Amino acid sequence: MDEPGRILITGADKGLGFALTEHFLAAGWQVLAGLYTEKLDSPRFRGAGKDRCGTVRLDVTDPDSVRAAVARVASLVSGLDVLVNNAAVLFATDRHIEDLDLNAVRQTLEVNALGPLRVTQAFLPLLAAGTRKLLVNISSEAGSIDDCRRTEWYGYCMSKAALNMQSRLLQNHLADCGFTVLAVQPGNMRTDMLPAADRQPAAAAAAIHELVVSPERVAPALFVQYDGRPLPF
Protein backbone atom coordinates (compact mmCIF):
# COMPACT_ATOMS: atom_id res chain seq x y z
CA MET A 1 0.00 0.00 0.00
CA ASP A 2 1.91 3.06 -1.21
CA GLU A 3 -0.82 5.73 -1.08
CA PRO A 4 -0.05 8.51 1.42
CA GLY A 5 -1.83 8.30 4.75
CA ARG A 6 -1.93 9.97 8.15
CA ILE A 7 1.05 9.51 10.44
CA LEU A 8 1.91 10.65 13.96
CA ILE A 9 5.63 10.92 14.78
CA THR A 10 6.78 11.48 18.35
CA GLY A 11 10.02 13.30 19.07
CA ALA A 12 9.73 15.22 15.80
CA ASP A 13 11.73 18.19 17.14
CA LYS A 14 15.08 17.01 15.78
CA GLY A 15 17.18 14.10 14.58
CA LEU A 16 15.36 11.13 13.12
CA GLY A 17 11.94 12.46 14.13
CA PHE A 18 12.43 15.68 12.18
CA ALA A 19 13.88 13.76 9.22
CA LEU A 20 10.85 11.45 9.21
CA THR A 21 8.54 14.47 9.29
CA GLU A 22 10.28 16.02 6.29
CA HIS A 23 10.36 12.77 4.36
CA PHE A 24 6.72 11.84 4.85
CA LEU A 25 5.59 15.37 4.02
CA ALA A 26 7.60 15.23 0.80
CA ALA A 27 5.93 11.89 0.02
CA GLY A 28 2.49 13.49 0.30
CA TRP A 29 1.48 12.24 3.76
CA GLN A 30 -0.51 14.13 6.36
CA VAL A 31 1.91 14.38 9.26
CA LEU A 32 1.15 15.04 12.93
CA ALA A 33 4.48 16.09 14.44
CA GLY A 34 4.74 15.48 18.18
CA LEU A 35 6.97 18.19 19.65
CA TYR A 36 8.63 18.27 23.05
CA THR A 37 10.97 21.29 22.82
CA GLU A 38 10.05 23.12 19.62
CA LYS A 39 7.28 25.74 19.55
CA LEU A 40 4.14 24.61 17.76
CA ASP A 41 4.51 27.50 15.30
CA SER A 42 8.22 26.86 14.72
CA PRO A 43 9.39 27.98 11.25
CA ARG A 44 11.05 24.58 10.88
CA PHE A 45 7.60 23.16 10.20
CA ARG A 46 6.56 25.74 7.64
CA GLY A 47 8.33 24.30 4.61
CA ALA A 48 7.11 22.10 1.79
CA GLY A 49 3.79 20.45 2.54
CA LYS A 50 3.08 22.73 5.51
CA ASP A 51 -0.63 22.49 4.80
CA ARG A 52 -0.38 18.77 5.60
CA CYS A 53 1.65 19.17 8.82
CA GLY A 54 -0.08 19.57 12.16
CA THR A 55 2.14 20.21 15.19
CA VAL A 56 1.19 18.69 18.52
CA ARG A 57 2.66 19.37 21.97
CA LEU A 58 3.66 15.94 23.29
CA ASP A 59 5.70 14.93 26.31
CA VAL A 60 5.57 11.13 26.28
CA THR A 61 6.32 10.96 30.02
CA ASP A 62 3.33 13.14 30.99
CA PRO A 63 -0.13 11.49 30.94
CA ASP A 64 -1.86 14.88 30.77
CA SER A 65 0.26 15.90 27.80
CA VAL A 66 -0.52 12.63 26.03
CA ARG A 67 -4.27 13.02 26.64
CA ALA A 68 -4.17 16.58 25.33
CA ALA A 69 -2.25 15.37 22.27
CA VAL A 70 -4.94 12.79 21.55
CA ALA A 71 -7.59 15.52 21.65
CA ARG A 72 -5.49 17.74 19.39
CA VAL A 73 -4.90 14.99 16.83
CA ALA A 74 -8.56 13.92 16.91
CA SER A 75 -9.51 17.51 16.04
CA LEU A 76 -7.31 17.33 12.94
CA VAL A 77 -7.90 13.80 11.61
CA SER A 78 -10.60 11.14 11.95
CA GLY A 79 -8.04 8.38 12.30
CA LEU A 80 -4.34 7.51 12.14
CA ASP A 81 -2.82 5.07 9.68
CA VAL A 82 0.64 4.94 11.27
CA LEU A 83 2.06 5.77 14.69
CA VAL A 84 5.84 6.11 14.98
CA ASN A 85 7.11 6.02 18.56
CA ASN A 86 10.43 7.75 17.98
CA ALA A 87 11.01 9.93 21.08
CA ALA A 88 14.00 8.64 23.06
CA VAL A 89 16.89 9.76 25.26
CA LEU A 90 20.45 8.67 25.98
CA PHE A 91 22.24 10.19 28.98
CA ALA A 92 26.02 10.50 29.25
CA THR A 93 25.78 9.36 32.88
CA ASP A 94 24.20 6.05 31.80
CA ARG A 95 27.52 4.24 31.54
CA HIS A 96 29.58 1.74 33.56
CA ILE A 97 28.19 0.08 36.67
CA GLU A 98 30.88 1.63 38.90
CA ASP A 99 29.63 5.19 38.35
CA LEU A 100 26.17 4.55 36.97
CA ASP A 101 23.56 7.26 37.59
CA LEU A 102 20.41 5.33 38.50
CA ASN A 103 18.28 8.44 38.12
CA ALA A 104 19.40 8.60 34.48
CA VAL A 105 18.50 4.93 34.08
CA ARG A 106 15.06 5.55 35.57
CA GLN A 107 14.43 8.51 33.26
CA THR A 108 15.64 6.55 30.24
CA LEU A 109 13.19 3.76 30.99
CA GLU A 110 10.42 6.31 31.49
CA VAL A 111 10.99 7.91 28.08
CA ASN A 112 12.17 4.98 25.95
CA ALA A 113 9.97 2.16 27.27
CA LEU A 114 6.99 3.58 29.17
CA GLY A 115 6.67 6.56 26.82
CA PRO A 116 5.83 4.47 23.75
CA LEU A 117 3.46 2.28 25.76
CA ARG A 118 1.67 5.35 27.14
CA VAL A 119 1.34 6.89 23.68
CA THR A 120 0.24 3.65 22.04
CA GLN A 121 -2.42 3.03 24.68
CA ALA A 122 -3.82 6.54 24.29
CA PHE A 123 -3.80 6.63 20.48
CA LEU A 124 -5.04 3.07 19.92
CA PRO A 125 -8.64 4.15 19.12
CA LEU A 126 -7.40 6.57 16.44
CA LEU A 127 -5.15 3.84 14.99
CA ALA A 128 -8.10 1.45 14.98
CA ALA A 129 -10.01 4.03 12.93
CA GLY A 130 -7.23 4.16 10.32
CA THR A 131 -6.72 1.97 7.28
CA ARG A 132 -3.16 0.71 7.77
CA LYS A 133 -3.18 0.16 11.54
CA LEU A 134 0.63 0.18 11.65
CA LEU A 135 2.63 0.77 14.83
CA VAL A 136 6.35 1.45 14.41
CA ASN A 137 8.53 1.51 17.52
CA ILE A 138 11.99 2.95 16.86
CA SER A 139 14.20 0.46 18.65
CA SER A 140 17.91 -0.35 18.49
CA GLU A 141 20.26 -3.29 18.14
CA ALA A 142 21.23 -2.24 21.67
CA GLY A 143 17.99 -3.92 22.76
CA SER A 144 19.02 -7.34 21.45
CA ILE A 145 19.89 -9.69 24.30
CA ASP A 146 21.22 -12.41 21.97
CA ASP A 147 23.67 -10.01 20.29
CA CYS A 148 24.66 -7.99 23.34
CA ARG A 149 28.41 -7.48 23.70
CA ARG A 150 28.25 -4.16 25.56
CA THR A 151 29.51 -3.46 29.08
CA GLU A 152 27.76 -0.10 29.53
CA TRP A 153 24.66 1.98 28.65
CA TYR A 154 22.46 0.06 31.09
CA GLY A 155 19.39 2.26 30.88
CA TYR A 156 19.45 2.61 27.11
CA CYS A 157 19.98 -1.08 26.38
CA MET A 158 17.43 -2.17 28.99
CA SER A 159 14.86 0.33 27.69
CA LYS A 160 15.18 -0.89 24.10
CA ALA A 161 14.95 -4.53 25.19
CA ALA A 162 11.76 -3.61 27.04
CA LEU A 163 10.48 -1.83 23.93
CA ASN A 164 11.08 -4.96 21.88
CA MET A 165 9.10 -7.08 24.34
CA GLN A 166 6.39 -4.43 24.36
CA SER A 167 6.24 -4.66 20.56
CA ARG A 168 5.85 -8.44 20.68
CA LEU A 169 3.08 -8.27 23.27
CA LEU A 170 1.21 -5.66 21.25
CA GLN A 171 1.52 -7.68 18.07
CA ASN A 172 0.27 -10.81 19.83
CA HIS A 173 -2.72 -8.89 21.15
CA LEU A 174 -3.59 -6.78 18.12
CA ALA A 175 -2.81 -9.00 15.13
CA ASP A 176 -6.32 -10.44 14.98
CA CYS A 177 -7.67 -6.87 14.79
CA GLY A 178 -5.66 -6.16 11.64
CA PHE A 179 -2.74 -4.32 13.28
CA THR A 180 0.91 -4.68 12.33
CA VAL A 181 3.71 -3.86 14.78
CA LEU A 182 7.36 -3.30 13.88
CA ALA A 183 10.35 -2.60 16.13
CA VAL A 184 12.88 -0.95 13.82
CA GLN A 185 16.61 -0.44 14.29
CA PRO A 186 17.29 2.74 12.24
CA GLY A 187 21.08 2.29 12.20
CA ASN A 188 23.78 4.65 13.40
CA MET A 189 23.22 8.23 12.23
CA ARG A 190 24.41 11.71 13.11
CA THR A 191 22.13 12.94 15.90
CA ASP A 192 22.59 14.32 19.41
CA MET A 193 23.08 10.72 20.54
CA LEU A 194 25.82 9.95 17.99
CA PRO A 195 27.25 13.27 16.78
CA ALA A 196 30.29 11.60 15.18
CA ALA A 197 28.31 9.21 12.94
CA ASP A 198 28.67 9.63 9.17
CA ARG A 199 25.16 8.62 8.10
CA GLN A 200 22.50 11.31 7.99
CA PRO A 201 19.03 10.91 9.58
CA ALA A 202 17.47 11.50 6.15
CA ALA A 203 18.86 8.17 4.95
CA ALA A 204 17.27 6.35 7.88
CA ALA A 205 13.99 8.19 7.32
CA ALA A 206 13.90 7.07 3.67
CA ALA A 207 14.52 3.46 4.66
CA ILE A 208 11.82 3.54 7.34
CA HIS A 209 9.40 5.00 4.78
CA GLU A 210 9.97 1.90 2.64
CA LEU A 211 9.09 -0.32 5.60
CA VAL A 212 5.96 1.72 6.32
CA VAL A 213 4.60 1.49 2.79
CA SER A 214 5.42 -2.24 2.49
CA PRO A 215 5.49 -3.83 5.97
CA GLU A 216 4.41 -7.15 4.49
CA ARG A 217 7.83 -7.62 2.88
CA VAL A 218 9.42 -8.30 6.28
CA ALA A 219 6.61 -10.47 7.68
CA PRO A 220 6.56 -12.41 9.91
CA ALA A 221 9.64 -10.67 11.38
CA LEU A 222 8.90 -8.03 14.00
CA PHE A 223 12.31 -6.72 15.14
CA VAL A 224 14.09 -5.60 11.99
CA GLN A 225 16.90 -3.40 10.76
CA TYR A 226 16.04 -0.40 8.58
CA ASP A 227 16.69 -2.49 5.45
CA GLY A 228 14.22 -5.15 6.58
CA ARG A 229 16.77 -7.68 7.82
CA PRO A 230 15.40 -9.56 10.87
CA LEU A 231 17.32 -9.02 14.09
CA PRO A 232 17.61 -11.43 17.02
CA PHE A 233 15.76 -10.62 20.20
C-alpha atoms as a PDB file:
ATOM      1  CA  MET A   1       0.000   0.000   0.000  1.00  0.00           C
ATOM      2  CA  ASP A   2       1.906   3.061  -1.210  1.00  0.00           C
ATOM      3  CA  GLU A   3      -0.822   5.727  -1.079  1.00  0.00           C
ATOM      4  CA  PRO A   4      -0.050   8.510   1.419  1.00  0.00           C
ATOM      5  CA  GLY A   5      -1.832   8.298   4.745  1.00  0.00           C
ATOM      6  CA  ARG A   6      -1.935   9.966   8.146  1.00  0.00           C
ATOM      7  CA  ILE A   7       1.051   9.512  10.438  1.00  0.00           C
ATOM      8  CA  LEU A   8       1.915  10.651  13.961  1.00  0.00           C
ATOM      9  CA  ILE A   9       5.631  10.921  14.778  1.00  0.00           C
ATOM     10  CA  THR A  10       6.784  11.482  18.354  1.00  0.00           C
ATOM     11  CA  GLY A  11      10.024  13.303  19.065  1.00  0.00           C
ATOM     12  CA  ALA A  12       9.731  15.225  15.801  1.00  0.00           C
ATOM     13  CA  ASP A  13      11.729  18.193  17.143  1.00  0.00           C
ATOM     14  CA  LYS A  14      15.082  17.012  15.780  1.00  0.00           C
ATOM     15  CA  GLY A  15      17.178  14.100  14.579  1.00  0.00           C
ATOM     16  CA  LEU A  16      15.362  11.131  13.118  1.00  0.00           C
ATOM     17  CA  GLY A  17      11.939  12.462  14.128  1.00  0.00           C
ATOM     18  CA  PHE A  18      12.431  15.677  12.176  1.00  0.00           C
ATOM     19  CA  ALA A  19      13.885  13.757   9.215  1.00  0.00           C
ATOM     20  CA  LEU A  20      10.850  11.452   9.214  1.00  0.00           C
ATOM     21  CA  THR A  21       8.537  14.474   9.293  1.00  0.00           C
ATOM     22  CA  GLU A  22      10.282  16.024   6.293  1.00  0.00           C
ATOM     23  CA  HIS A  23      10.362  12.768   4.361  1.00  0.00           C
ATOM     24  CA  PHE A  24       6.723  11.835   4.854  1.00  0.00           C
ATOM     25  CA  LEU A  25       5.586  15.366   4.021  1.00  0.00           C
ATOM     26  CA  ALA A  26       7.602  15.226   0.799  1.00  0.00           C
ATOM     27  CA  ALA A  27       5.933  11.888   0.017  1.00  0.00           C
ATOM     28  CA  GLY A  28       2.491  13.491   0.302  1.00  0.00           C
ATOM     29  CA  TRP A  29       1.481  12.238   3.757  1.00  0.00           C
ATOM     30  CA  GLN A  30      -0.509  14.125   6.358  1.00  0.00           C
ATOM     31  CA  VAL A  31       1.911  14.377   9.263  1.00  0.00           C
ATOM     32  CA  LEU A  32       1.153  15.036  12.930  1.00  0.00           C
ATOM     33  CA  ALA A  33       4.478  16.086  14.444  1.00  0.00           C
ATOM     34  CA  GLY A  34       4.738  15.480  18.181  1.00  0.00           C
ATOM     35  CA  LEU A  35       6.970  18.188  19.652  1.00  0.00           C
ATOM     36  CA  TYR A  36       8.630  18.275  23.052  1.00  0.00           C
ATOM     37  CA  THR A  37      10.973  21.286  22.819  1.00  0.00           C
ATOM     38  CA  GLU A  38      10.046  23.124  19.616  1.00  0.00           C
ATOM     39  CA  LYS A  39       7.285  25.740  19.553  1.00  0.00           C
ATOM     40  CA  LEU A  40       4.140  24.610  17.756  1.00  0.00           C
ATOM     41  CA  ASP A  41       4.508  27.499  15.302  1.00  0.00           C
ATOM     42  CA  SER A  42       8.220  26.864  14.715  1.00  0.00           C
ATOM     43  CA  PRO A  43       9.390  27.979  11.251  1.00  0.00           C
ATOM     44  CA  ARG A  44      11.051  24.576  10.876  1.00  0.00           C
ATOM     45  CA  PHE A  45       7.598  23.156  10.202  1.00  0.00           C
ATOM     46  CA  ARG A  46       6.565  25.741   7.643  1.00  0.00           C
ATOM     47  CA  GLY A  47       8.330  24.298   4.607  1.00  0.00           C
ATOM     48  CA  ALA A  48       7.107  22.097   1.792  1.00  0.00           C
ATOM     49  CA  GLY A  49       3.789  20.453   2.538  1.00  0.00           C
ATOM     50  CA  LYS A  50       3.082  22.732   5.511  1.00  0.00           C
ATOM     51  CA  ASP A  51      -0.633  22.492   4.796  1.00  0.00           C
ATOM     52  CA  ARG A  52      -0.376  18.775   5.600  1.00  0.00           C
ATOM     53  CA  CYS A  53       1.646  19.174   8.818  1.00  0.00           C
ATOM     54  CA  GLY A  54      -0.076  19.568  12.162  1.00  0.00           C
ATOM     55  CA  THR A  55       2.140  20.208  15.188  1.00  0.00           C
ATOM     56  CA  VAL A  56       1.195  18.686  18.518  1.00  0.00           C
ATOM     57  CA  ARG A  57       2.664  19.369  21.971  1.00  0.00           C
ATOM     58  CA  LEU A  58       3.660  15.942  23.287  1.00  0.00           C
ATOM     59  CA  ASP A  59       5.700  14.929  26.312  1.00  0.00           C
ATOM     60  CA  VAL A  60       5.573  11.133  26.276  1.00  0.00           C
ATOM     61  CA  THR A  61       6.317  10.961  30.016  1.00  0.00           C
ATOM     62  CA  ASP A  62       3.331  13.136  30.993  1.00  0.00           C
ATOM     63  CA  PRO A  63      -0.127  11.487  30.941  1.00  0.00           C
ATOM     64  CA  ASP A  64      -1.861  14.876  30.775  1.00  0.00           C
ATOM     65  CA  SER A  65       0.258  15.904  27.799  1.00  0.00           C
ATOM     66  CA  VAL A  66      -0.525  12.628  26.033  1.00  0.00           C
ATOM     67  CA  ARG A  67      -4.265  13.016  26.644  1.00  0.00           C
ATOM     68  CA  ALA A  68      -4.165  16.578  25.334  1.00  0.00           C
ATOM     69  CA  ALA A  69      -2.250  15.371  22.266  1.00  0.00           C
ATOM     70  CA  VAL A  70      -4.944  12.793  21.546  1.00  0.00           C
ATOM     71  CA  ALA A  71      -7.591  15.521  21.653  1.00  0.00           C
ATOM     72  CA  ARG A  72      -5.491  17.743  19.392  1.00  0.00           C
ATOM     73  CA  VAL A  73      -4.897  14.988  16.826  1.00  0.00           C
ATOM     74  CA  ALA A  74      -8.559  13.924  16.912  1.00  0.00           C
ATOM     75  CA  SER A  75      -9.507  17.508  16.037  1.00  0.00           C
ATOM     76  CA  LEU A  76      -7.309  17.326  12.943  1.00  0.00           C
ATOM     77  CA  VAL A  77      -7.904  13.801  11.613  1.00  0.00           C
ATOM     78  CA  SER A  78     -10.597  11.141  11.949  1.00  0.00           C
ATOM     79  CA  GLY A  79      -8.037   8.377  12.304  1.00  0.00           C
ATOM     80  CA  LEU A  80      -4.337   7.510  12.143  1.00  0.00           C
ATOM     81  CA  ASP A  81      -2.822   5.070   9.684  1.00  0.00           C
ATOM     82  CA  VAL A  82       0.639   4.941  11.267  1.00  0.00           C
ATOM     83  CA  LEU A  83       2.061   5.767  14.693  1.00  0.00           C
ATOM     84  CA  VAL A  84       5.837   6.105  14.981  1.00  0.00           C
ATOM     85  CA  ASN A  85       7.110   6.020  18.560  1.00  0.00           C
ATOM     86  CA  ASN A  86      10.432   7.752  17.975  1.00  0.00           C
ATOM     87  CA  ALA A  87      11.011   9.931  21.075  1.00  0.00           C
ATOM     88  CA  ALA A  88      13.996   8.644  23.064  1.00  0.00           C
ATOM     89  CA  VAL A  89      16.886   9.758  25.261  1.00  0.00           C
ATOM     90  CA  LEU A  90      20.452   8.674  25.984  1.00  0.00           C
ATOM     91  CA  PHE A  91      22.237  10.185  28.978  1.00  0.00           C
ATOM     92  CA  ALA A  92      26.017  10.502  29.251  1.00  0.00           C
ATOM     93  CA  THR A  93      25.780   9.359  32.884  1.00  0.00           C
ATOM     94  CA  ASP A  94      24.199   6.048  31.799  1.00  0.00           C
ATOM     95  CA  ARG A  95      27.521   4.240  31.542  1.00  0.00           C
ATOM     96  CA  HIS A  96      29.582   1.743  33.557  1.00  0.00           C
ATOM     97  CA  ILE A  97      28.192   0.080  36.669  1.00  0.00           C
ATOM     98  CA  GLU A  98      30.879   1.629  38.901  1.00  0.00           C
ATOM     99  CA  ASP A  99      29.635   5.188  38.351  1.00  0.00           C
ATOM    100  CA  LEU A 100      26.166   4.547  36.971  1.00  0.00           C
ATOM    101  CA  ASP A 101      23.558   7.258  37.594  1.00  0.00           C
ATOM    102  CA  LEU A 102      20.409   5.332  38.499  1.00  0.00           C
ATOM    103  CA  ASN A 103      18.284   8.442  38.116  1.00  0.00           C
ATOM    104  CA  ALA A 104      19.396   8.601  34.482  1.00  0.00           C
ATOM    105  CA  VAL A 105      18.501   4.926  34.084  1.00  0.00           C
ATOM    106  CA  ARG A 106      15.057   5.553  35.573  1.00  0.00           C
ATOM    107  CA  GLN A 107      14.426   8.514  33.263  1.00  0.00           C
ATOM    108  CA  THR A 108      15.636   6.546  30.245  1.00  0.00           C
ATOM    109  CA  LEU A 109      13.189   3.761  30.989  1.00  0.00           C
ATOM    110  CA  GLU A 110      10.417   6.310  31.489  1.00  0.00           C
ATOM    111  CA  VAL A 111      10.993   7.909  28.081  1.00  0.00           C
ATOM    112  CA  ASN A 112      12.166   4.981  25.949  1.00  0.00           C
ATOM    113  CA  ALA A 113       9.974   2.165  27.269  1.00  0.00           C
ATOM    114  CA  LEU A 114       6.994   3.579  29.168  1.00  0.00           C
ATOM    115  CA  GLY A 115       6.669   6.560  26.824  1.00  0.00           C
ATOM    116  CA  PRO A 116       5.831   4.466  23.748  1.00  0.00           C
ATOM    117  CA  LEU A 117       3.465   2.285  25.757  1.00  0.00           C
ATOM    118  CA  ARG A 118       1.671   5.346  27.143  1.00  0.00           C
ATOM    119  CA  VAL A 119       1.338   6.889  23.676  1.00  0.00           C
ATOM    120  CA  THR A 120       0.237   3.648  22.035  1.00  0.00           C
ATOM    121  CA  GLN A 121      -2.422   3.029  24.677  1.00  0.00           C
ATOM    122  CA  ALA A 122      -3.817   6.543  24.291  1.00  0.00           C
ATOM    123  CA  PHE A 123      -3.799   6.628  20.483  1.00  0.00           C
ATOM    124  CA  LEU A 124      -5.036   3.073  19.916  1.00  0.00           C
ATOM    125  CA  PRO A 125      -8.638   4.146  19.121  1.00  0.00           C
ATOM    126  CA  LEU A 126      -7.396   6.569  16.442  1.00  0.00           C
ATOM    127  CA  LEU A 127      -5.152   3.844  14.992  1.00  0.00           C
ATOM    128  CA  ALA A 128      -8.099   1.452  14.985  1.00  0.00           C
ATOM    129  CA  ALA A 129     -10.012   4.030  12.929  1.00  0.00           C
ATOM    130  CA  GLY A 130      -7.233   4.157  10.318  1.00  0.00           C
ATOM    131  CA  THR A 131      -6.722   1.965   7.280  1.00  0.00           C
ATOM    132  CA  ARG A 132      -3.159   0.710   7.768  1.00  0.00           C
ATOM    133  CA  LYS A 133      -3.176   0.155  11.540  1.00  0.00           C
ATOM    134  CA  LEU A 134       0.634   0.182  11.651  1.00  0.00           C
ATOM    135  CA  LEU A 135       2.627   0.773  14.828  1.00  0.00           C
ATOM    136  CA  VAL A 136       6.353   1.448  14.415  1.00  0.00           C
ATOM    137  CA  ASN A 137       8.534   1.511  17.516  1.00  0.00           C
ATOM    138  CA  ILE A 138      11.990   2.947  16.856  1.00  0.00           C
ATOM    139  CA  SER A 139      14.198   0.458  18.652  1.00  0.00           C
ATOM    140  CA  SER A 140      17.914  -0.350  18.486  1.00  0.00           C
ATOM    141  CA  GLU A 141      20.258  -3.285  18.143  1.00  0.00           C
ATOM    142  CA  ALA A 142      21.234  -2.242  21.673  1.00  0.00           C
ATOM    143  CA  GLY A 143      17.988  -3.918  22.756  1.00  0.00           C
ATOM    144  CA  SER A 144      19.025  -7.338  21.450  1.00  0.00           C
ATOM    145  CA  ILE A 145      19.890  -9.690  24.297  1.00  0.00           C
ATOM    146  CA  ASP A 146      21.218 -12.410  21.966  1.00  0.00           C
ATOM    147  CA  ASP A 147      23.665 -10.012  20.288  1.00  0.00           C
ATOM    148  CA  CYS A 148      24.655  -7.994  23.344  1.00  0.00           C
ATOM    149  CA  ARG A 149      28.410  -7.482  23.701  1.00  0.00           C
ATOM    150  CA  ARG A 150      28.255  -4.161  25.560  1.00  0.00           C
ATOM    151  CA  THR A 151      29.505  -3.462  29.078  1.00  0.00           C
ATOM    152  CA  GLU A 152      27.762  -0.097  29.528  1.00  0.00           C
ATOM    153  CA  TRP A 153      24.662   1.980  28.655  1.00  0.00           C
ATOM    154  CA  TYR A 154      22.464   0.058  31.090  1.00  0.00           C
ATOM    155  CA  GLY A 155      19.393   2.263  30.884  1.00  0.00           C
ATOM    156  CA  TYR A 156      19.446   2.612  27.105  1.00  0.00           C
ATOM    157  CA  CYS A 157      19.978  -1.082  26.384  1.00  0.00           C
ATOM    158  CA  MET A 158      17.426  -2.166  28.995  1.00  0.00           C
ATOM    159  CA  SER A 159      14.862   0.328  27.687  1.00  0.00           C
ATOM    160  CA  LYS A 160      15.176  -0.890  24.098  1.00  0.00           C
ATOM    161  CA  ALA A 161      14.952  -4.533  25.189  1.00  0.00           C
ATOM    162  CA  ALA A 162      11.760  -3.614  27.042  1.00  0.00           C
ATOM    163  CA  LEU A 163      10.483  -1.826  23.933  1.00  0.00           C
ATOM    164  CA  ASN A 164      11.085  -4.964  21.875  1.00  0.00           C
ATOM    165  CA  MET A 165       9.097  -7.079  24.336  1.00  0.00           C
ATOM    166  CA  GLN A 166       6.386  -4.433  24.361  1.00  0.00           C
ATOM    167  CA  SER A 167       6.239  -4.660  20.561  1.00  0.00           C
ATOM    168  CA  ARG A 168       5.848  -8.441  20.682  1.00  0.00           C
ATOM    169  CA  LEU A 169       3.078  -8.273  23.273  1.00  0.00           C
ATOM    170  CA  LEU A 170       1.209  -5.660  21.253  1.00  0.00           C
ATOM    171  CA  GLN A 171       1.515  -7.678  18.066  1.00  0.00           C
ATOM    172  CA  ASN A 172       0.266 -10.810  19.828  1.00  0.00           C
ATOM    173  CA  HIS A 173      -2.722  -8.892  21.147  1.00  0.00           C
ATOM    174  CA  LEU A 174      -3.590  -6.777  18.116  1.00  0.00           C
ATOM    175  CA  ALA A 175      -2.806  -8.998  15.126  1.00  0.00           C
ATOM    176  CA  ASP A 176      -6.321 -10.439  14.984  1.00  0.00           C
ATOM    177  CA  CYS A 177      -7.667  -6.867  14.786  1.00  0.00           C
ATOM    178  CA  GLY A 178      -5.659  -6.157  11.642  1.00  0.00           C
ATOM    179  CA  PHE A 179      -2.742  -4.325  13.279  1.00  0.00           C
ATOM    180  CA  THR A 180       0.914  -4.675  12.335  1.00  0.00           C
ATOM    181  CA  VAL A 181       3.710  -3.860  14.779  1.00  0.00           C
ATOM    182  CA  LEU A 182       7.363  -3.298  13.883  1.00  0.00           C
ATOM    183  CA  ALA A 183      10.349  -2.599  16.129  1.00  0.00           C
ATOM    184  CA  VAL A 184      12.876  -0.947  13.819  1.00  0.00           C
ATOM    185  CA  GLN A 185      16.606  -0.437  14.285  1.00  0.00           C
ATOM    186  CA  PRO A 186      17.291   2.740  12.243  1.00  0.00           C
ATOM    187  CA  GLY A 187      21.079   2.287  12.204  1.00  0.00           C
ATOM    188  CA  ASN A 188      23.777   4.646  13.397  1.00  0.00           C
ATOM    189  CA  MET A 189      23.217   8.231  12.235  1.00  0.00           C
ATOM    190  CA  ARG A 190      24.409  11.708  13.112  1.00  0.00           C
ATOM    191  CA  THR A 191      22.132  12.940  15.901  1.00  0.00           C
ATOM    192  CA  ASP A 192      22.590  14.323  19.409  1.00  0.00           C
ATOM    193  CA  MET A 193      23.077  10.721  20.543  1.00  0.00           C
ATOM    194  CA  LEU A 194      25.816   9.948  17.992  1.00  0.00           C
ATOM    195  CA  PRO A 195      27.254  13.272  16.785  1.00  0.00           C
ATOM    196  CA  ALA A 196      30.287  11.596  15.176  1.00  0.00           C
ATOM    197  CA  ALA A 197      28.311   9.211  12.944  1.00  0.00           C
ATOM    198  CA  ASP A 198      28.671   9.632   9.175  1.00  0.00           C
ATOM    199  CA  ARG A 199      25.163   8.616   8.096  1.00  0.00           C
ATOM    200  CA  GLN A 200      22.502  11.312   7.994  1.00  0.00           C
ATOM    201  CA  PRO A 201      19.033  10.906   9.583  1.00  0.00           C
ATOM    202  CA  ALA A 202      17.471  11.505   6.150  1.00  0.00           C
ATOM    203  CA  ALA A 203      18.857   8.166   4.949  1.00  0.00           C
ATOM    204  CA  ALA A 204      17.272   6.350   7.882  1.00  0.00           C
ATOM    205  CA  ALA A 205      13.991   8.186   7.318  1.00  0.00           C
ATOM    206  CA  ALA A 206      13.899   7.074   3.667  1.00  0.00           C
ATOM    207  CA  ALA A 207      14.524   3.456   4.659  1.00  0.00           C
ATOM    208  CA  ILE A 208      11.822   3.538   7.337  1.00  0.00           C
ATOM    209  CA  HIS A 209       9.401   4.996   4.783  1.00  0.00           C
ATOM    210  CA  GLU A 210       9.966   1.904   2.643  1.00  0.00           C
ATOM    211  CA  LEU A 211       9.088  -0.324   5.598  1.00  0.00           C
ATOM    212  CA  VAL A 212       5.964   1.717   6.323  1.00  0.00           C
ATOM    213  CA  VAL A 213       4.603   1.493   2.793  1.00  0.00           C
ATOM    214  CA  SER A 214       5.415  -2.239   2.490  1.00  0.00           C
ATOM    215  CA  PRO A 215       5.495  -3.826   5.967  1.00  0.00           C
ATOM    216  CA  GLU A 216       4.406  -7.150   4.486  1.00  0.00           C
ATOM    217  CA  ARG A 217       7.830  -7.617   2.878  1.00  0.00           C
ATOM    218  CA  VAL A 218       9.424  -8.299   6.280  1.00  0.00           C
ATOM    219  CA  ALA A 219       6.611 -10.474   7.682  1.00  0.00           C
ATOM    220  CA  PRO A 220       6.559 -12.407   9.915  1.00  0.00           C
ATOM    221  CA  ALA A 221       9.635 -10.671  11.381  1.00  0.00           C
ATOM    222  CA  LEU A 222       8.897  -8.025  14.001  1.00  0.00           C
ATOM    223  CA  PHE A 223      12.310  -6.721  15.137  1.00  0.00           C
ATOM    224  CA  VAL A 224      14.089  -5.598  11.991  1.00  0.00           C
ATOM    225  CA  GLN A 225      16.895  -3.399  10.758  1.00  0.00           C
ATOM    226  CA  TYR A 226      16.042  -0.403   8.580  1.00  0.00           C
ATOM    227  CA  ASP A 227      16.692  -2.487   5.451  1.00  0.00           C
ATOM    228  CA  GLY A 228      14.220  -5.145   6.576  1.00  0.00           C
ATOM    229  CA  ARG A 229      16.771  -7.677   7.819  1.00  0.00           C
ATOM    230  CA  PRO A 230      15.395  -9.555  10.866  1.00  0.00           C
ATOM    231  CA  LEU A 231      17.319  -9.020  14.090  1.00  0.00           C
ATOM    232  CA  PRO A 232      17.612 -11.427  17.024  1.00  0.00           C
ATOM    233  CA  PHE A 233      15.757 -10.625  20.205  1.00  0.00           C
END
